[in-house]
Amino acid sequence: MIIHKNDNTGNFGVNENTPKNSVENFGVNEDTPKNNAENFGVNETQKQILNLISENPQITAGEIAYKMKQTKRNVEYNIKALKSKGIIERFGSDKAGGYQIKK
């Protein structure tokens, strides 16, 4: 086996014409506003959940799932994600409580 030294050994799969410090290289869109919901990591399902909670804070995960035509498990997963991000919190009992949007 013969190994040839190449002058471009530091260029592993990188296009020379691509700027090295371009934000596109990191998957960041520089035109994205800094304070939108995506920056909090909120997806479309979670936005819909937030809209339903804002309309009715006492709504249940089952009711949200029915209105969104999603599984209850998927809704519960997304509610848990919203709680862990500090966007919503649960108040009161399981039977008589509800959700409060914090952000």
N, C-alpha and C. Protein backbone atom coordinates (compact mmCIF):
# COMPACT_ATOMS: atom_id res chain seq x y z
N MET A 1 0.85 -1.17 0.00
CA MET A 1 0.00 0.00 0.00
C MET A 1 0.89 1.23 0.00
N ILE A 2 0.63 2.13 -0.91
CA ILE A 2 1.39 3.37 -1.00
C ILE A 2 0.51 4.50 -0.51
N ILE A 3 1.04 5.28 0.41
CA ILE A 3 0.30 6.42 0.94
C ILE A 3 0.93 7.67 0.36
N HIS A 4 0.13 8.45 -0.32
CA HIS A 4 0.59 9.71 -0.91
C HIS A 4 0.23 10.85 0.01
N LYS A 5 1.16 11.69 0.25
CA LYS A 5 0.88 12.87 1.06
C LYS A 5 0.14 13.88 0.19
N ASN A 6 -0.95 14.37 0.72
CA ASN A 6 -1.77 15.32 0.00
C ASN A 6 -1.68 16.65 0.72
N ASP A 7 -1.59 17.73 -0.02
CA ASP A 7 -1.49 19.05 0.60
C ASP A 7 -2.78 19.45 1.30
N ASN A 8 -3.89 18.81 0.98
CA ASN A 8 -5.18 19.17 1.56
C ASN A 8 -5.60 18.21 2.67
N THR A 9 -4.65 17.68 3.43
CA THR A 9 -4.99 16.70 4.46
C THR A 9 -5.86 17.29 5.55
N GLY A 10 -5.81 18.57 5.78
CA GLY A 10 -6.64 19.19 6.81
C GLY A 10 -8.03 19.50 6.33
N ASN A 11 -8.36 19.17 5.12
CA ASN A 11 -9.64 19.53 4.50
C ASN A 11 -10.52 18.31 4.34
N PHE A 12 -10.85 17.62 5.39
CA PHE A 12 -11.62 16.39 5.32
C PHE A 12 -13.09 16.67 5.03
N GLY A 13 -13.49 16.61 3.79
CA GLY A 13 -14.88 16.77 3.42
C GLY A 13 -15.42 18.18 3.55
N VAL A 14 -14.56 19.16 3.71
CA VAL A 14 -15.00 20.54 3.82
C VAL A 14 -14.78 21.22 2.49
N ASN A 15 -15.80 21.87 2.01
CA ASN A 15 -15.72 22.59 0.76
C ASN A 15 -14.89 23.86 0.98
N GLU A 16 -13.86 24.04 0.18
CA GLU A 16 -12.98 25.20 0.35
C GLU A 16 -13.72 26.51 0.13
N ASN A 17 -14.80 26.47 -0.64
CA ASN A 17 -15.55 27.69 -0.94
C ASN A 17 -16.51 28.10 0.19
N THR A 18 -16.70 27.22 1.15
CA THR A 18 -17.60 27.52 2.26
C THR A 18 -16.85 28.33 3.31
N PRO A 19 -17.41 29.48 3.70
CA PRO A 19 -16.73 30.25 4.74
C PRO A 19 -16.65 29.45 6.04
N LYS A 20 -15.53 29.53 6.71
CA LYS A 20 -15.28 28.72 7.91
C LYS A 20 -16.12 29.15 9.10
N ASN A 21 -16.51 30.41 9.17
CA ASN A 21 -17.26 30.88 10.33
C ASN A 21 -18.71 31.21 10.00
N SER A 22 -19.21 30.66 8.92
CA SER A 22 -20.58 30.93 8.51
C SER A 22 -21.56 30.26 9.46
N VAL A 23 -22.62 30.98 9.84
CA VAL A 23 -23.61 30.42 10.75
C VAL A 23 -24.36 29.26 10.12
N GLU A 24 -24.44 29.20 8.80
CA GLU A 24 -25.12 28.09 8.14
C GLU A 24 -24.42 26.77 8.42
N ASN A 25 -23.11 26.81 8.68
CA ASN A 25 -22.37 25.59 8.96
C ASN A 25 -22.82 24.94 10.26
N PHE A 26 -23.47 25.68 11.11
CA PHE A 26 -23.91 25.16 12.39
C PHE A 26 -25.42 24.94 12.41
N GLY A 27 -26.10 25.08 11.27
CA GLY A 27 -27.53 24.88 11.21
C GLY A 27 -28.31 26.02 11.84
N VAL A 28 -27.73 27.19 11.93
CA VAL A 28 -28.39 28.34 12.54
C VAL A 28 -28.79 29.30 11.43
N ASN A 29 -30.02 29.76 11.47
CA ASN A 29 -30.49 30.72 10.50
C ASN A 29 -30.37 32.10 11.12
N GLU A 30 -29.51 32.93 10.54
CA GLU A 30 -29.26 34.23 11.15
C GLU A 30 -30.47 35.17 11.06
N ASP A 31 -31.47 34.83 10.22
CA ASP A 31 -32.66 35.66 10.10
C ASP A 31 -33.72 35.32 11.14
N THR A 32 -33.50 34.28 11.94
CA THR A 32 -34.48 33.87 12.94
C THR A 32 -34.52 34.88 14.08
N PRO A 33 -35.71 35.38 14.43
CA PRO A 33 -35.80 36.29 15.56
C PRO A 33 -35.34 35.60 16.85
N LYS A 34 -34.77 36.37 17.74
CA LYS A 34 -34.17 35.81 18.95
C LYS A 34 -35.19 35.45 20.02
N ASN A 35 -36.40 35.98 19.96
CA ASN A 35 -37.35 35.76 21.05
C ASN A 35 -38.58 34.97 20.63
N ASN A 36 -38.48 34.14 19.60
CA ASN A 36 -39.65 33.37 19.20
C ASN A 36 -39.72 32.05 19.97
N ALA A 37 -40.84 31.36 19.87
CA ALA A 37 -41.08 30.13 20.65
C ALA A 37 -40.09 29.03 20.31
N GLU A 38 -39.59 28.99 19.07
CA GLU A 38 -38.65 27.95 18.69
C GLU A 38 -37.38 28.03 19.52
N ASN A 39 -36.99 29.23 19.96
CA ASN A 39 -35.78 29.36 20.76
C ASN A 39 -35.96 28.76 22.15
N PHE A 40 -37.20 28.53 22.55
CA PHE A 40 -37.46 27.84 23.81
C PHE A 40 -37.59 26.34 23.56
N GLY A 41 -37.45 25.92 22.31
CA GLY A 41 -37.58 24.51 21.98
C GLY A 41 -39.01 24.03 21.95
N VAL A 42 -39.94 24.90 21.62
CA VAL A 42 -41.36 24.55 21.58
C VAL A 42 -41.72 24.13 20.15
N ASN A 43 -42.24 22.90 20.02
CA ASN A 43 -42.62 22.42 18.69
C ASN A 43 -44.09 22.75 18.41
N GLU A 44 -44.56 22.37 17.24
CA GLU A 44 -45.94 22.71 16.84
C GLU A 44 -46.98 22.07 17.76
N THR A 45 -46.76 20.83 18.15
CA THR A 45 -47.69 20.15 19.07
C THR A 45 -47.77 20.91 20.38
N GLN A 46 -46.62 21.32 20.90
CA GLN A 46 -46.59 22.05 22.17
C GLN A 46 -47.24 23.42 22.04
N LYS A 47 -47.12 24.06 20.89
CA LYS A 47 -47.80 25.35 20.66
C LYS A 47 -49.31 25.16 20.70
N GLN A 48 -49.79 24.07 20.08
CA GLN A 48 -51.23 23.79 20.08
C GLN A 48 -51.71 23.51 21.51
N ILE A 49 -50.91 22.78 22.27
CA ILE A 49 -51.26 22.50 23.66
C ILE A 49 -51.34 23.80 24.45
N LEU A 50 -50.38 24.69 24.26
CA LEU A 50 -50.39 25.98 24.95
C LEU A 50 -51.62 26.79 24.59
N ASN A 51 -52.02 26.76 23.32
CA ASN A 51 -53.22 27.48 22.90
C ASN A 51 -54.47 26.92 23.59
N LEU A 52 -54.57 25.59 23.67
CA LEU A 52 -55.72 24.98 24.32
C LEU A 52 -55.73 25.27 25.82
N ILE A 53 -54.55 25.27 26.45
CA ILE A 53 -54.46 25.59 27.88
C ILE A 53 -54.84 27.05 28.12
N SER A 54 -54.44 27.94 27.22
CA SER A 54 -54.78 29.36 27.40
C SER A 54 -56.29 29.58 27.28
N GLU A 55 -56.97 28.77 26.47
CA GLU A 55 -58.41 28.86 26.34
C GLU A 55 -59.14 28.28 27.55
N ASN A 56 -58.56 27.20 28.13
CA ASN A 56 -59.19 26.51 29.25
C ASN A 56 -58.11 25.92 30.15
N PRO A 57 -57.69 26.63 31.19
CA PRO A 57 -56.62 26.13 32.06
C PRO A 57 -56.94 24.81 32.77
N GLN A 58 -58.22 24.45 32.91
CA GLN A 58 -58.59 23.20 33.57
C GLN A 58 -58.71 22.03 32.60
N ILE A 59 -58.30 22.20 31.36
CA ILE A 59 -58.40 21.14 30.36
C ILE A 59 -57.51 19.96 30.76
N THR A 60 -57.97 18.75 30.46
CA THR A 60 -57.21 17.54 30.79
C THR A 60 -56.40 17.08 29.58
N ALA A 61 -55.43 16.22 29.85
CA ALA A 61 -54.61 15.67 28.76
C ALA A 61 -55.49 14.89 27.79
N GLY A 62 -56.50 14.19 28.32
CA GLY A 62 -57.42 13.44 27.46
C GLY A 62 -58.22 14.35 26.54
N GLU A 63 -58.67 15.48 27.07
CA GLU A 63 -59.42 16.44 26.25
C GLU A 63 -58.52 17.07 25.18
N ILE A 64 -57.29 17.38 25.56
CA ILE A 64 -56.33 17.94 24.60
C ILE A 64 -56.08 16.93 23.49
N ALA A 65 -55.87 15.67 23.86
CA ALA A 65 -55.61 14.62 22.87
C ALA A 65 -56.78 14.48 21.91
N TYR A 66 -58.00 14.53 22.44
CA TYR A 66 -59.19 14.41 21.60
C TYR A 66 -59.28 15.57 20.61
N LYS A 67 -59.07 16.80 21.10
CA LYS A 67 -59.19 17.98 20.23
C LYS A 67 -58.08 18.03 19.18
N MET A 68 -56.90 17.53 19.54
CA MET A 68 -55.76 17.58 18.61
C MET A 68 -55.67 16.34 17.73
N LYS A 69 -56.52 15.34 18.01
CA LYS A 69 -56.46 14.06 17.31
C LYS A 69 -55.08 13.42 17.46
N GLN A 70 -54.59 13.44 18.70
CA GLN A 70 -53.31 12.85 19.08
C GLN A 70 -53.57 11.79 20.13
N THR A 71 -52.56 10.97 20.41
CA THR A 71 -52.70 10.02 21.50
C THR A 71 -52.53 10.76 22.83
N LYS A 72 -53.18 10.23 23.86
CA LYS A 72 -53.05 10.83 25.19
C LYS A 72 -51.59 10.77 25.65
N ARG A 73 -50.92 9.69 25.34
CA ARG A 73 -49.51 9.52 25.72
C ARG A 73 -48.64 10.60 25.08
N ASN A 74 -48.89 10.93 23.83
CA ASN A 74 -48.12 11.98 23.14
C ASN A 74 -48.36 13.33 23.80
N VAL A 75 -49.60 13.61 24.15
CA VAL A 75 -49.93 14.86 24.82
C VAL A 75 -49.26 14.94 26.18
N GLU A 76 -49.33 13.84 26.93
CA GLU A 76 -48.68 13.81 28.25
C GLU A 76 -47.18 14.03 28.14
N TYR A 77 -46.56 13.43 27.13
CA TYR A 77 -45.13 13.62 26.89
C TYR A 77 -44.81 15.10 26.64
N ASN A 78 -45.60 15.74 25.80
CA ASN A 78 -45.37 17.15 25.47
C ASN A 78 -45.67 18.08 26.64
N ILE A 79 -46.67 17.74 27.44
CA ILE A 79 -46.96 18.53 28.65
C ILE A 79 -45.78 18.43 29.61
N LYS A 80 -45.25 17.22 29.76
CA LYS A 80 -44.08 17.03 30.63
C LYS A 80 -42.89 17.85 30.14
N ALA A 81 -42.70 17.90 28.81
CA ALA A 81 -41.61 18.70 28.24
C ALA A 81 -41.83 20.19 28.52
N LEU A 82 -43.06 20.65 28.40
CA LEU A 82 -43.37 22.06 28.69
C LEU A 82 -43.13 22.39 30.17
N LYS A 83 -43.47 21.44 31.04
CA LYS A 83 -43.23 21.63 32.48
C LYS A 83 -41.73 21.70 32.76
N SER A 84 -40.96 20.79 32.16
CA SER A 84 -39.53 20.76 32.43
C SER A 84 -38.81 22.00 31.91
N LYS A 85 -39.37 22.65 30.90
CA LYS A 85 -38.80 23.89 30.36
C LYS A 85 -39.26 25.11 31.16
N GLY A 86 -40.16 24.89 32.11
CA GLY A 86 -40.64 25.99 32.94
C GLY A 86 -41.67 26.87 32.24
N ILE A 87 -42.28 26.37 31.18
CA ILE A 87 -43.25 27.17 30.43
C ILE A 87 -44.63 27.07 31.06
N ILE A 88 -44.97 25.90 31.57
CA ILE A 88 -46.25 25.73 32.27
C ILE A 88 -46.00 25.05 33.61
N GLU A 89 -46.99 25.18 34.50
CA GLU A 89 -46.95 24.43 35.75
C GLU A 89 -48.37 24.01 36.10
N ARG A 90 -48.44 22.95 36.83
CA ARG A 90 -49.73 22.41 37.26
C ARG A 90 -50.08 22.99 38.63
N PHE A 91 -51.34 23.36 38.82
CA PHE A 91 -51.78 23.84 40.13
C PHE A 91 -53.00 23.04 40.55
N GLY A 92 -53.19 22.94 41.85
CA GLY A 92 -54.36 22.26 42.39
C GLY A 92 -54.25 20.75 42.30
N SER A 93 -55.37 20.11 42.57
CA SER A 93 -55.43 18.65 42.58
C SER A 93 -55.57 18.11 41.16
N ASP A 94 -55.40 16.80 41.03
CA ASP A 94 -55.56 16.17 39.72
C ASP A 94 -56.99 16.31 39.20
N LYS A 95 -57.95 16.31 40.12
CA LYS A 95 -59.36 16.38 39.71
C LYS A 95 -59.84 17.80 39.47
N ALA A 96 -59.42 18.74 40.31
CA ALA A 96 -59.97 20.09 40.23
C ALA A 96 -58.93 21.13 39.80
N GLY A 97 -57.70 20.72 39.56
CA GLY A 97 -56.65 21.67 39.23
C GLY A 97 -56.59 22.04 37.76
N GLY A 98 -55.51 22.66 37.39
CA GLY A 98 -55.35 23.08 36.01
C GLY A 98 -53.90 23.45 35.74
N TYR A 99 -53.69 24.10 34.62
CA TYR A 99 -52.35 24.50 34.19
C TYR A 99 -52.26 26.03 34.17
N GLN A 100 -51.07 26.51 34.45
CA GLN A 100 -50.80 27.94 34.36
C GLN A 100 -49.62 28.12 33.43
N ILE A 101 -49.78 29.02 32.45
CA ILE A 101 -48.68 29.34 31.54
C ILE A 101 -47.83 30.40 32.19
N LYS A 102 -46.54 30.11 32.35
CA LYS A 102 -45.64 31.00 33.07
C LYS A 102 -44.91 31.98 32.16
N LYS A 103 -44.62 31.57 30.94
CA LYS A 103 -43.83 32.43 30.03
C LYS A 103 -44.68 32.92 28.89
